Protein backbone atom coordinates (compact mmCIF):
# COMPACT_ATOMS: atom_id res chain seq x y z
CA MET A 1 10.92 -3.21 -7.72
CA ARG A 2 8.92 -2.85 -4.53
CA GLY A 3 5.29 -3.88 -4.56
CA LYS A 4 5.70 -6.60 -7.18
CA ILE A 5 3.28 -9.43 -6.43
CA ILE A 6 4.53 -12.97 -6.94
CA VAL A 7 2.31 -16.00 -7.38
CA ALA A 8 4.15 -19.15 -6.29
CA ARG A 9 3.01 -22.72 -6.74
CA VAL A 10 2.96 -24.70 -3.49
CA THR A 11 5.84 -27.20 -3.73
CA ALA A 12 5.21 -29.31 -0.60
CA PHE A 13 2.59 -31.45 -2.36
CA GLU A 14 0.37 -31.68 -5.45
CA ILE A 15 -3.17 -32.93 -5.97
CA PRO A 16 -4.17 -33.76 -9.55
CA GLY A 17 -6.87 -31.45 -10.89
CA LEU A 18 -6.25 -28.72 -8.30
CA THR A 19 -4.26 -25.49 -8.51
CA ILE A 20 -2.45 -24.71 -5.24
CA TRP A 21 -0.59 -21.43 -4.69
CA PHE A 22 0.66 -18.66 -2.41
CA TRP A 23 0.49 -14.89 -3.03
CA SER A 24 3.71 -13.14 -1.95
CA ASN A 25 1.87 -10.14 -0.49
CA ASP A 26 -0.84 -12.09 1.33
CA HIS A 27 -1.89 -11.35 4.90
CA GLU A 28 -1.37 -13.32 8.10
CA PRO A 29 -2.09 -15.96 9.28
CA PRO A 30 -0.01 -18.14 6.94
CA HIS A 31 -2.20 -19.76 4.31
CA PHE A 32 -2.36 -20.88 0.70
CA HIS A 33 -5.10 -20.97 -1.91
CA VAL A 34 -6.58 -24.00 -3.68
CA LYS A 35 -9.05 -24.14 -6.54
CA ARG A 36 -10.70 -26.58 -8.85
CA ARG A 37 -11.08 -24.45 -11.95
CA GLY A 38 -14.63 -23.32 -12.59
CA GLU A 39 -15.98 -25.03 -9.47
CA TRP A 40 -14.61 -23.74 -6.16
CA GLU A 41 -11.80 -21.93 -4.33
CA ILE A 42 -10.65 -22.13 -0.70
CA LYS A 43 -7.97 -20.70 1.59
CA VAL A 44 -6.09 -23.19 3.76
CA HIS A 45 -4.73 -21.82 7.07
CA PHE A 46 -2.27 -24.68 7.46
CA LEU A 47 -1.07 -23.88 11.01
CA MET A 48 -4.59 -24.15 12.44
CA ASP A 49 -6.25 -27.37 13.55
CA ALA A 50 -8.16 -29.42 10.99
CA SER A 51 -11.59 -28.21 12.10
CA SER A 52 -10.83 -24.54 11.35
CA MET A 53 -8.15 -24.84 8.66
CA VAL A 54 -10.35 -24.28 5.57
CA GLU A 55 -12.04 -21.03 4.57
CA ILE A 56 -14.44 -21.27 1.63
CA VAL A 57 -13.95 -18.45 -0.90
CA ARG A 58 -16.44 -19.68 -3.51
CA GLY A 59 -18.30 -22.84 -4.45
CA THR A 60 -18.41 -26.11 -2.53
CA PRO A 61 -15.44 -28.50 -2.52
CA SER A 62 -16.15 -32.22 -2.19
CA ARG A 63 -15.55 -33.92 1.17
CA LYS A 64 -12.91 -36.06 -0.55
CA ASP A 65 -10.99 -32.99 -1.79
CA LEU A 66 -11.22 -31.28 1.61
CA LYS A 67 -10.07 -34.38 3.47
CA GLN A 68 -7.06 -34.80 1.16
CA ILE A 69 -6.11 -31.11 1.35
CA VAL A 70 -6.32 -31.03 5.16
CA LEU A 71 -4.38 -34.29 5.56
CA LEU A 72 -1.56 -33.18 3.26
CA SER A 73 -1.47 -29.74 4.90
CA GLU A 74 -1.03 -31.33 8.33
CA GLN A 75 1.68 -33.66 7.01
CA HIS A 76 3.62 -30.84 5.32
CA ARG A 77 3.23 -27.93 7.75
CA ARG A 78 6.97 -27.36 8.09
CA GLU A 79 7.59 -27.16 4.33
CA LEU A 80 4.52 -24.97 3.83
CA LEU A 81 5.65 -22.55 6.53
CA GLU A 82 9.17 -22.40 5.06
CA GLN A 83 7.81 -21.61 1.61
CA TRP A 84 5.41 -18.99 3.05
CA GLN A 85 8.26 -17.29 4.94
CA ASN A 86 10.72 -17.44 2.03
CA LEU A 87 8.19 -15.98 -0.38
CA ARG A 88 7.30 -13.12 1.96
CA GLU A 89 10.98 -12.39 2.64
CA SER A 90 11.77 -12.25 -1.08
CA GLU A 91 8.80 -9.93 -1.67
CA GLN A 92 9.97 -7.58 1.11
CA ALA A 93 13.56 -7.58 -0.19
CA GLU A 94 12.56 -6.25 -3.61
């Protein structure tokens, strides 16, 4: 079924209290979404450098949350890119 949108949990890392996911039909550049329910949401462009990696969608994440997200994103770039590519390929194959 073409056009089916898949929401996939990021598997490279977890942070307690945060929801971290990819959309299968999302646009370039490669990124994932993170939210603390009821507080804030961001996009993380994990191939970019730390200073431009985070895009605020809504609310204001704490410095501690941002630092942890950026650090883990830098440490797991390869796995994140693999998951991004696999998810997009599976969406295009349907």
